[in-house]
Amino acid sequence: MATVKFRHLISVCEALDLKSKETKSCLIFEGTANGQYRKVVIHLHSEGRNIATGTFHKYVKDLGFTSEDDFRRFLDSI
């Protein structure tokens, strides 16, 4: 499957209405999505980079998606 960039992950976090907080070295998205508390930490200055496969699967799980395809369908819908 095609790679996903960090900017896509940020778009999904914003579409899920997770609140963002910027620290010195990272961007933290947290809040309730799909009835569960969710928290995702993204390093600053990584917006244009591709997400490594293992890291991407962890983000998919952390955001409450059942699969990579579920994440991609949601991304395509926003």
Protein backbone atom coordinates (compact mmCIF):
# COMPACT_ATOMS: atom_id res chain seq x y z
CA MET A 1 0.00 0.00 0.00
CA ALA A 2 1.02 3.60 -0.45
CA THR A 3 2.89 5.30 2.33
CA VAL A 4 1.25 7.74 4.71
CA LYS A 5 2.87 11.03 5.66
CA PHE A 6 2.77 12.61 9.09
CA ARG A 7 0.67 15.47 7.67
CA HIS A 8 -2.05 12.89 6.88
CA LEU A 9 -1.90 11.63 10.46
CA ILE A 10 -2.25 15.20 11.73
CA SER A 11 -5.30 15.70 9.48
CA VAL A 12 -6.92 12.56 10.89
CA CYS A 13 -6.23 13.66 14.48
CA GLU A 14 -7.81 17.04 13.76
CA ALA A 15 -10.83 15.40 12.07
CA LEU A 16 -11.30 13.25 15.18
CA ASP A 17 -11.42 16.52 17.20
CA LEU A 18 -8.38 15.63 19.26
CA LYS A 19 -6.92 18.70 20.96
CA SER A 20 -3.34 19.55 20.08
CA LYS A 21 -0.65 20.78 22.41
CA GLU A 22 2.84 21.69 21.26
CA THR A 23 5.83 21.09 23.50
CA LYS A 24 9.47 21.84 22.84
CA SER A 25 10.02 18.78 20.66
CA CYS A 26 6.64 17.27 19.81
CA LEU A 27 3.00 17.79 19.01
CA ILE A 28 0.58 15.92 21.28
CA PHE A 29 -2.97 15.15 20.19
CA GLU A 30 -5.29 13.91 22.91
CA GLY A 31 -8.96 13.63 23.68
CA THR A 32 -11.93 11.33 23.26
CA ALA A 33 -12.57 9.72 19.89
CA ASN A 34 -14.88 6.78 19.19
CA GLY A 35 -15.83 6.71 22.89
CA GLN A 36 -12.27 6.13 24.10
CA TYR A 37 -9.46 8.37 25.33
CA ARG A 38 -6.80 8.68 22.62
CA LYS A 39 -3.29 10.15 22.72
CA VAL A 40 -0.80 10.44 19.86
CA VAL A 41 2.64 12.03 20.03
CA ILE A 42 4.28 13.30 16.83
CA HIS A 43 7.77 14.77 16.69
CA LEU A 44 7.93 18.30 15.36
CA HIS A 45 9.44 18.85 11.91
CA SER A 46 8.27 15.47 10.64
CA GLU A 47 5.20 16.72 8.77
CA GLY A 48 6.46 15.94 5.25
CA ARG A 49 8.09 12.61 6.08
CA ASN A 50 6.66 9.16 5.52
CA ILE A 51 5.62 7.16 8.58
CA ALA A 52 7.52 3.90 9.05
CA THR A 53 5.26 0.84 8.72
CA GLY A 54 5.52 -0.33 12.34
CA THR A 55 5.00 3.17 13.68
CA PHE A 56 2.02 3.65 11.38
CA HIS A 57 0.37 0.47 12.65
CA LYS A 58 0.85 1.68 16.23
CA TYR A 59 -0.79 5.02 15.37
CA VAL A 60 -3.70 3.19 13.70
CA LYS A 61 -4.22 1.14 16.87
CA ASP A 62 -3.78 4.15 19.18
CA LEU A 63 -6.43 6.11 17.27
CA GLY A 64 -8.92 3.24 17.55
CA PHE A 65 -9.07 2.14 13.93
CA THR A 66 -9.54 -1.58 13.35
CA SER A 67 -7.19 -1.78 10.37
CA GLU A 68 -4.98 0.18 8.01
CA ASP A 69 -7.80 0.12 5.45
CA ASP A 70 -10.21 1.60 7.99
CA PHE A 71 -7.72 4.43 8.63
CA ARG A 72 -7.29 5.06 4.89
CA ARG A 73 -11.07 5.13 4.29
CA PHE A 74 -11.43 7.70 7.05
CA LEU A 75 -8.54 9.74 5.61
CA ASP A 76 -10.14 9.68 2.16
CA SER A 77 -13.47 10.86 3.61
CA ILE A 78 -12.05 14.04 5.17
